Amino acid sequence: MGSHHFAQLNRRQFLQYSALFAASGGLTMLTGCSKTNHRIDADDAPPVRTGYLPITDASALLAAYDRGFYKAEGLQAALPQRYLSWDAIANAFMNREVNVVHLLMPITIWLRYGKNFPGKVVAWNHTNGSAITVLPGINKPEDLAGRNVAVPFPYSIHNIVLQMLLRQHGLAATLKPADQPLATNEVRLVVLPPSKMLQALQAQTIAGYIVAEPYNSAAELTQSGKLLRLTGDIWKDHACCVVFMHEDDIVQRPTWTQAVVNGIVKAQQWAKANRPELAYILSQDGGQYVPYELPVLERVMTYYDNDYYYQKGAIINPEWRSRRIDFQPYPFASYTSELVAALQTTLIDDDSSFLSQLVPEHVAQDLVDDSFVKTALQQVGGPQAFGLSLDLSRQESILI
């Protein structure tokens, strides 16, 4: 389902994409002046135009810009562009306002196979980094029955994990409109941008939300809510957001693409070793990428008390020794396959019939290009620099 996507485009889309492809040098073969990329020069390499949501999932991209890792690779980089919803950043990517984005991994599946848009995952941004936050009076999943719970986007690990948890506890997710009553075992899913969730919880229009940090830590520190479960304790070291790039950039500009991925991988290595400084850069006190003060970001990056969260029930697998958020770039095929299979059993508010046609193992090969990350890892000491197995394989652990 790779190159023949274009056969499925309508005429208007085809003309739009053809014009974009030609503008980016994709049709140089017709003019007989093809270029090979031996170095990054201003004529052939666009600036890195990063798109991000104000969440800690964007840490690697923001650190790559802010700490000069892109510059060290010989890249020009524009100030990262903030978007407030997943719809907005997905549209910006398709309109080519940005060329390097972090997206919820299920969104990349939706774009490539549902929207037939030619993009590729080139790396992971981070692992874990999300939680289910609920009102203080809710103590177990069953307490969510008959209530509203917010997810950041239908195509998200959050929607998948939340529905896994609800099913495990005899609850049914529903997309019923607000004016329709819920059955005693139903939980209504509502889509809210991450930046709107804490406010909705405080207003009690929702009973909980599942989202990336720092909105869970912010709820804890303001005592507006508490953690019901950490998502990294349900799906061990899962990816949430991944690095997504235009396929024609990857094909036409491999040297530029490699430099981008090098910068991101080095930023992740730096982030692992410099969590307090990363918290400062992201915060309102530093680079002002995320709309929270330093204490909230410090909690995200440095506070993960296994004993406390185990006692509260937010962790039931302390032996996993997972971090609240961690950083490693390698996109495991086992995760992609498992994610596609999980999406196929998830209730999604959209025409998601395309999902039933997907073969998980094919998507793992077709959606993801891990060649750039493999090269970048060799520059920072190999897979072991991130505690990964030398053969870059793993088994997925999901325990609800």
Protein backbone atom coordinates (compact mmCIF):
# COMPACT_ATOMS: atom_id res chain seq x y z
CA MET A 1 0.00 0.00 0.00
CA GLY A 2 2.91 2.30 -0.67
CA SER A 3 3.51 3.84 -4.06
CA HIS A 4 0.15 2.85 -5.55
CA HIS A 5 -1.65 5.17 -3.13
CA PHE A 6 -1.80 7.79 -5.83
CA ALA A 7 -4.16 5.59 -7.84
CA GLN A 8 -6.75 6.11 -5.13
CA LEU A 9 -6.59 9.90 -5.13
CA ASN A 10 -9.31 11.96 -6.69
CA ARG A 11 -8.27 14.28 -9.52
CA ARG A 12 -8.17 17.41 -7.34
CA GLN A 13 -5.94 15.76 -4.73
CA PHE A 14 -3.70 14.38 -7.45
CA LEU A 15 -3.18 17.82 -8.98
CA GLN A 16 -2.51 19.35 -5.55
CA TYR A 17 0.07 16.72 -4.61
CA SER A 18 1.66 16.75 -8.06
CA ALA A 19 2.17 20.51 -7.80
CA LEU A 20 3.66 20.14 -4.32
CA PHE A 21 5.87 17.29 -5.42
CA ALA A 22 7.14 19.23 -8.42
CA ALA A 23 7.77 22.33 -6.31
CA SER A 24 9.92 20.29 -3.95
CA GLY A 25 12.04 18.89 -6.78
CA GLY A 26 10.15 15.61 -7.01
CA LEU A 27 9.68 15.86 -10.78
CA THR A 28 13.23 16.88 -11.71
CA MET A 29 13.54 13.68 -13.72
CA LEU A 30 11.21 15.21 -16.33
CA THR A 31 13.59 18.11 -16.87
CA GLY A 32 16.65 15.92 -17.05
CA CYS A 33 18.50 17.69 -14.24
CA SER A 34 18.43 15.24 -11.36
CA LYS A 35 20.58 16.03 -8.34
CA THR A 36 22.34 13.74 -5.94
CA ASN A 37 22.72 14.85 -2.38
CA HIS A 38 26.36 14.68 -1.34
CA ARG A 39 26.17 17.52 1.14
CA ILE A 40 23.63 19.79 2.72
CA ASP A 41 23.61 23.08 0.90
CA ALA A 42 21.17 25.96 0.93
CA ASP A 43 20.06 25.35 -2.65
CA ASP A 44 18.92 21.80 -2.02
CA ALA A 45 17.94 21.70 1.65
CA PRO A 46 14.92 23.47 3.11
CA PRO A 47 15.00 24.79 6.65
CA VAL A 48 13.72 22.35 9.27
CA ARG A 49 10.18 23.60 9.89
CA THR A 50 8.99 21.85 13.03
CA GLY A 51 5.35 21.58 14.00
CA TYR A 52 4.46 20.65 17.59
CA LEU A 53 1.72 20.55 20.18
CA PRO A 54 2.56 22.05 23.61
CA ILE A 55 3.10 18.66 25.28
CA THR A 56 6.22 16.89 26.50
CA ASP A 57 5.94 14.39 23.64
CA ALA A 58 7.54 17.12 21.51
CA SER A 59 10.62 17.28 23.76
CA ALA A 60 13.11 15.76 21.32
CA LEU A 61 12.14 18.06 18.44
CA LEU A 62 12.17 21.13 20.66
CA ALA A 63 15.51 20.24 22.25
CA ALA A 64 17.01 19.55 18.81
CA TYR A 65 16.13 23.12 17.87
CA ASP A 66 16.74 24.86 21.18
CA ARG A 67 20.04 23.17 22.06
CA GLY A 68 21.48 23.55 18.56
CA PHE A 69 21.57 19.88 17.53
CA TYR A 70 20.07 20.69 14.13
CA LYS A 71 22.59 23.48 13.63
CA ALA A 72 25.45 21.13 14.53
CA GLU A 73 24.32 18.86 11.69
CA GLY A 74 24.62 21.73 9.21
CA LEU A 75 20.88 22.37 9.07
CA GLN A 76 18.98 25.60 9.06
CA ALA A 77 16.02 25.47 11.43
CA ALA A 78 13.08 27.82 11.80
CA LEU A 79 11.47 28.56 15.16
CA PRO A 80 9.15 25.59 15.92
CA GLN A 81 5.51 26.34 15.12
CA ARG A 82 2.97 25.63 17.86
CA TYR A 83 -0.42 24.08 17.05
CA LEU A 84 -3.15 23.51 19.59
CA SER A 85 -4.93 20.43 18.22
CA TRP A 86 -4.05 17.25 16.35
CA ASP A 87 -6.38 18.24 13.53
CA ALA A 88 -4.48 21.51 13.12
CA ILE A 89 -1.01 19.97 13.02
CA ALA A 90 -2.10 17.15 10.66
CA ASN A 91 -3.53 19.73 8.26
CA ALA A 92 -0.40 21.87 8.53
CA PHE A 93 1.71 18.85 7.62
CA MET A 94 -0.48 17.96 4.63
CA ASN A 95 -0.38 21.59 3.49
CA ARG A 96 3.42 21.53 3.87
CA GLU A 97 3.54 24.43 6.29
CA VAL A 98 5.86 22.17 8.32
CA ASN A 99 8.16 19.34 7.27
CA VAL A 100 9.09 17.64 10.57
CA VAL A 101 6.31 16.92 13.06
CA HIS A 102 5.53 14.78 16.04
CA LEU A 103 2.23 13.00 15.56
CA LEU A 104 0.31 10.43 17.56
CA MET A 105 1.38 7.23 15.85
CA PRO A 106 -2.20 6.18 14.98
CA ILE A 107 -2.59 9.53 13.17
CA THR A 108 0.28 8.53 10.88
CA ILE A 109 -1.63 5.33 10.04
CA TRP A 110 -4.78 7.37 9.35
CA LEU A 111 -2.89 9.85 7.13
CA ARG A 112 -1.01 7.26 5.08
CA TYR A 113 -3.78 4.69 4.63
CA GLY A 114 -7.01 6.56 5.39
CA LYS A 115 -6.12 9.85 3.68
CA ASN A 116 -3.61 8.31 1.22
CA PHE A 117 -1.09 10.98 2.14
CA PRO A 118 2.55 10.05 1.46
CA GLY A 119 4.36 10.40 4.78
CA LYS A 120 6.69 8.12 6.72
CA VAL A 121 7.59 7.54 10.36
CA VAL A 122 11.37 7.94 10.68
CA ALA A 123 11.80 7.71 14.48
CA TRP A 124 10.05 7.64 17.82
CA ASN A 125 9.99 10.84 19.86
CA HIS A 126 9.76 9.33 23.31
CA THR A 127 8.23 6.47 25.32
CA ASN A 128 5.39 6.60 27.86
CA GLY A 129 4.61 10.17 28.97
CA SER A 130 0.81 9.86 29.30
CA ALA A 131 -1.71 8.98 32.00
CA ILE A 132 -5.40 8.67 32.80
CA THR A 133 -6.34 11.54 35.11
CA VAL A 134 -9.68 11.57 36.94
CA LEU A 135 -11.64 13.66 39.42
CA PRO A 136 -10.56 13.16 43.05
CA GLY A 137 -13.73 11.20 43.88
CA ILE A 138 -13.09 8.50 41.27
CA ASN A 139 -11.13 5.58 42.66
CA LYS A 140 -11.48 2.80 40.10
CA PRO A 141 -12.39 2.43 36.41
CA GLU A 142 -15.92 1.29 37.25
CA ASP A 143 -16.56 4.73 38.76
CA LEU A 144 -16.42 6.17 35.22
CA ALA A 145 -19.68 4.42 34.25
CA GLY A 146 -22.25 6.91 32.98
CA ARG A 147 -19.66 9.68 32.73
CA ASN A 148 -17.72 11.55 30.03
CA VAL A 149 -14.01 10.89 29.48
CA ALA A 150 -11.88 12.96 27.07
CA VAL A 151 -9.37 11.63 24.55
CA PRO A 152 -7.08 13.92 22.51
CA PHE A 153 -7.95 12.38 19.13
CA PRO A 154 -9.83 9.31 17.85
CA TYR A 155 -6.63 7.97 16.27
CA SER A 156 -4.45 7.86 19.38
CA ILE A 157 -2.76 5.39 21.70
CA HIS A 158 -4.87 7.12 24.34
CA ASN A 159 -8.14 6.02 22.75
CA ILE A 160 -6.78 2.49 22.31
CA VAL A 161 -5.47 2.11 25.88
CA LEU A 162 -8.55 3.71 27.45
CA GLN A 163 -10.87 1.33 25.61
CA MET A 164 -8.70 -1.65 26.61
CA LEU A 165 -9.04 -0.60 30.24
CA LEU A 166 -12.80 0.00 30.00
CA ARG A 167 -13.41 -3.41 28.39
CA GLN A 168 -11.32 -5.10 31.09
CA HIS A 169 -13.61 -3.60 33.72
CA GLY A 170 -16.90 -4.44 31.99
CA LEU A 171 -17.50 -0.97 30.58
CA ALA A 172 -18.41 -0.01 27.02
CA ALA A 173 -17.09 3.06 25.22
CA THR A 174 -19.71 4.97 23.28
CA LEU A 175 -19.82 8.00 20.99
CA LYS A 176 -23.42 8.92 21.83
CA PRO A 177 -24.19 12.64 21.55
CA ALA A 178 -24.33 14.62 24.79
CA ASP A 179 -28.13 14.77 24.75
CA GLN A 180 -28.53 10.99 24.72
CA PRO A 181 -28.60 9.17 28.08
CA LEU A 182 -25.92 6.58 28.81
CA ALA A 183 -26.55 3.00 29.86
CA THR A 184 -25.25 2.02 33.28
CA ASN A 185 -22.12 0.41 31.82
CA GLU A 186 -21.35 3.07 29.17
CA VAL A 187 -18.63 5.71 29.14
CA ARG A 188 -18.99 8.55 26.63
CA LEU A 189 -15.82 9.46 24.78
CA VAL A 190 -15.37 13.11 23.88
CA VAL A 191 -12.50 14.56 21.83
CA LEU A 192 -10.75 17.56 23.37
CA PRO A 193 -7.41 19.19 22.52
CA PRO A 194 -4.90 18.53 25.33
CA SER A 195 -4.82 22.22 26.28
CA LYS A 196 -8.58 22.19 27.03
CA MET A 197 -8.68 19.07 29.20
CA LEU A 198 -7.69 20.34 32.64
CA GLN A 199 -10.18 23.19 32.39
CA ALA A 200 -12.96 20.72 31.47
CA LEU A 201 -12.03 18.50 34.42
CA GLN A 202 -12.10 21.47 36.80
CA ALA A 203 -15.55 22.40 35.44
CA GLN A 204 -16.57 18.73 35.90
CA THR A 205 -17.97 18.50 32.37
CA ILE A 206 -15.77 15.41 32.13
CA ALA A 207 -14.92 12.86 34.81
CA GLY A 208 -11.45 12.24 33.46
CA TYR A 209 -9.07 12.40 30.53
CA ILE A 210 -6.23 10.44 29.04
CA VAL A 211 -3.49 12.59 27.56
CA ALA A 212 0.19 13.40 27.36
CA GLU A 213 2.05 15.37 30.00
CA PRO A 214 2.21 17.97 31.44
CA TYR A 215 -1.59 17.99 31.78
CA ASN A 216 -1.60 15.04 34.21
CA SER A 217 1.09 16.53 36.45
CA ALA A 218 -0.71 19.88 36.31
CA ALA A 219 -3.89 18.24 37.60
CA GLU A 220 -1.92 16.63 40.45
CA LEU A 221 -0.17 19.84 41.46
CA THR A 222 -3.39 21.89 41.39
CA GLN A 223 -5.20 19.03 43.17
CA SER A 224 -7.86 19.15 40.45
CA GLY A 225 -7.41 15.47 39.72
CA LYS A 226 -5.36 12.35 40.38
CA LEU A 227 -3.79 9.61 38.29
CA LEU A 228 -5.94 6.51 37.77
CA ARG A 229 -3.26 4.73 35.68
CA LEU A 230 -0.04 5.62 33.95
CA THR A 231 -0.19 4.44 30.35
CA GLY A 232 3.39 3.16 30.46
CA ASP A 233 2.18 0.76 33.15
CA ILE A 234 -0.47 -0.66 30.77
CA TRP A 235 1.66 -0.89 27.60
CA LYS A 236 5.30 -1.05 28.61
CA ASP A 237 7.47 1.67 27.09
CA HIS A 238 4.95 2.43 24.35
CA ALA A 239 5.46 5.14 21.80
CA CYS A 240 2.86 7.86 21.81
CA CYS A 241 4.25 10.42 19.38
CA VAL A 242 6.58 9.68 16.49
CA VAL A 243 8.57 11.75 14.01
CA PHE A 244 6.71 12.02 10.69
CA MET A 245 8.15 13.43 7.47
CA HIS A 246 7.06 13.81 3.86
CA GLU A 247 7.94 10.79 1.78
CA ASP A 248 9.27 12.86 -1.11
CA ASP A 249 11.70 14.63 1.27
CA ILE A 250 12.97 11.24 2.42
CA VAL A 251 13.42 9.99 -1.15
CA GLN A 252 14.76 13.20 -2.73
CA ARG A 253 16.84 14.48 0.22
CA PRO A 254 18.32 11.50 2.05
CA THR A 255 21.34 13.49 3.30
CA TRP A 256 19.07 16.21 4.69
CA THR A 257 16.74 13.61 6.22
CA GLN A 258 19.68 11.83 7.84
CA ALA A 259 20.90 15.10 9.34
CA VAL A 260 17.41 15.79 10.76
CA VAL A 261 17.24 12.34 12.34
CA ASN A 262 20.82 12.66 13.66
CA GLY A 263 19.82 15.90 15.40
CA ILE A 264 16.73 14.31 16.96
CA VAL A 265 18.60 11.22 18.18
CA LYS A 266 21.35 13.35 19.75
CA ALA A 267 18.69 15.55 21.35
CA GLN A 268 17.07 12.45 22.86
CA GLN A 269 20.40 11.29 24.26
CA TRP A 270 20.91 14.75 25.74
CA ALA A 271 17.35 14.78 27.14
CA LYS A 272 17.85 11.49 29.00
CA ALA A 273 20.92 12.87 30.75
CA ASN A 274 19.65 16.42 31.35
CA ARG A 275 16.07 16.13 32.57
CA PRO A 276 16.06 19.21 34.85
CA GLU A 277 17.45 21.40 32.07
CA LEU A 278 14.95 19.95 29.60
CA ALA A 279 12.14 20.80 32.02
CA TYR A 280 13.44 24.37 32.21
CA ILE A 281 13.71 24.74 28.41
CA LEU A 282 10.13 23.57 27.89
CA SER A 283 8.62 25.65 30.70
CA GLN A 284 7.28 29.20 30.81
CA ASP A 285 10.41 30.08 32.79
CA GLY A 286 12.64 28.99 29.89
CA GLY A 287 11.82 28.55 26.21
CA GLN A 288 8.07 28.91 26.80
CA TYR A 289 7.19 25.97 24.55
CA VAL A 290 4.65 24.57 27.04
CA PRO A 291 2.17 26.78 28.97
CA TYR A 292 3.24 25.73 32.48
CA GLU A 293 5.74 26.87 35.07
CA LEU A 294 8.90 24.94 35.88
CA PRO A 295 7.56 22.87 38.86
CA VAL A 296 5.00 21.15 36.61
CA LEU A 297 7.63 20.24 34.01
CA GLU A 298 10.08 19.12 36.68
CA ARG A 299 7.46 16.72 38.02
CA VAL A 300 7.00 15.22 34.56
CA MET A 301 10.70 14.77 33.93
CA THR A 302 11.97 13.73 37.35
CA TYR A 303 9.14 12.48 39.59
CA TYR A 304 8.06 8.86 39.26
CA ASP A 305 7.66 7.43 42.75
CA ASN A 306 6.98 3.73 42.19
CA ASP A 307 5.94 3.10 45.79
CA TYR A 308 3.55 6.06 45.91
CA TYR A 309 1.87 5.28 42.58
CA TYR A 310 1.74 1.54 43.35
CA GLN A 311 -0.01 2.28 46.64
CA LYS A 312 -2.49 4.52 44.78
CA GLY A 313 -3.10 1.93 42.04
CA ALA A 314 -1.75 4.08 39.21
CA ILE A 315 1.03 1.48 38.80
CA ILE A 316 0.40 -2.25 39.05
CA ASN A 317 3.60 -3.37 37.31
CA PRO A 318 6.41 -1.77 39.36
CA GLU A 319 8.84 -4.47 38.21
CA TRP A 320 8.75 -2.91 34.73
CA ARG A 321 10.81 -0.03 36.13
CA SER A 322 9.38 2.29 33.47
CA ARG A 323 10.04 6.00 33.54
CA ARG A 324 7.15 8.47 33.60
CA ILE A 325 8.54 9.69 30.28
CA ASP A 326 11.66 8.45 28.57
CA PHE A 327 13.49 9.00 25.34
CA GLN A 328 14.67 6.56 22.69
CA PRO A 329 14.36 6.85 18.91
CA TYR A 330 14.05 3.33 17.52
CA PRO A 331 10.64 2.48 15.98
CA PHE A 332 10.10 -1.16 16.88
CA ALA A 333 8.21 -3.15 14.23
CA SER A 334 6.57 -5.25 16.96
CA TYR A 335 4.93 -2.10 18.34
CA THR A 336 3.64 -0.95 14.96
CA SER A 337 2.12 -4.37 14.26
CA GLU A 338 0.49 -4.56 17.68
CA LEU A 339 -0.79 -1.00 17.36
CA VAL A 340 -2.50 -1.68 14.02
CA ALA A 341 -4.15 -4.81 15.41
CA ALA A 342 -5.34 -2.83 18.46
CA LEU A 343 -6.72 -0.02 16.27
CA GLN A 344 -8.78 -2.59 14.38
CA THR A 345 -10.73 -3.36 17.58
CA THR A 346 -11.05 0.26 18.76
CA LEU A 347 -14.20 2.37 18.42
CA ILE A 348 -13.30 5.39 16.29
CA ASP A 349 -15.47 8.34 15.33
CA ASP A 350 -14.68 8.40 11.64
CA ASP A 351 -14.96 6.33 8.49
CA SER A 352 -12.35 3.90 9.75
CA SER A 353 -13.30 1.02 7.43
CA PHE A 354 -9.83 1.27 5.83
CA LEU A 355 -8.37 -0.19 9.03
CA SER A 356 -9.93 -3.59 8.40
CA GLN A 357 -7.94 -3.86 5.16
CA LEU A 358 -4.57 -3.32 6.84
CA VAL A 359 -2.15 -6.16 7.46
CA PRO A 360 -0.22 -5.23 10.63
CA GLU A 361 3.12 -6.67 9.50
CA HIS A 362 2.86 -4.90 6.14
CA VAL A 363 2.18 -1.55 7.84
CA ALA A 364 5.24 -2.07 10.07
CA GLN A 365 7.38 -2.28 6.92
CA ASP A 366 5.58 0.27 4.76
CA LEU A 367 4.77 3.08 7.20
CA VAL A 368 8.14 3.14 8.95
CA ASP A 369 11.63 3.76 7.56
CA ASP A 370 14.10 2.86 10.30
CA SER A 371 17.24 3.19 8.16
CA PHE A 372 18.00 6.76 9.25
CA VAL A 373 17.67 5.93 12.95
CA LYS A 374 19.94 2.92 12.59
CA THR A 375 22.64 5.14 11.06
CA ALA A 376 22.13 7.82 13.72
CA LEU A 377 22.39 5.28 16.53
CA GLN A 378 25.83 4.24 15.32
CA GLN A 379 26.97 7.84 15.79
CA VAL A 380 25.99 7.93 19.48
CA GLY A 381 27.38 4.57 20.62
CA GLY A 382 24.92 2.09 19.14
CA PRO A 383 21.56 0.81 20.45
CA GLN A 384 23.04 0.24 23.90
CA ALA A 385 23.37 4.02 24.31
CA PHE A 386 19.61 3.94 24.89
CA GLY A 387 19.54 0.58 26.68
CA LEU A 388 18.20 -1.18 23.58
CA SER A 389 19.02 -4.72 22.49
CA LEU A 390 21.78 -4.93 19.91
CA ASP A 391 19.49 -6.66 17.42
CA LEU A 392 16.88 -3.90 17.85
CA SER A 393 14.04 -6.26 18.65
CA ARG A 394 11.61 -6.49 21.52
CA GLN A 395 8.38 -8.18 22.62
CA GLU A 396 5.38 -6.03 23.46
CA SER A 397 4.14 -6.16 27.07
CA ILE A 398 0.51 -5.17 27.63
CA LEU A 399 -0.99 -5.79 31.07
CA ILE A 400 -4.22 -4.07 31.94
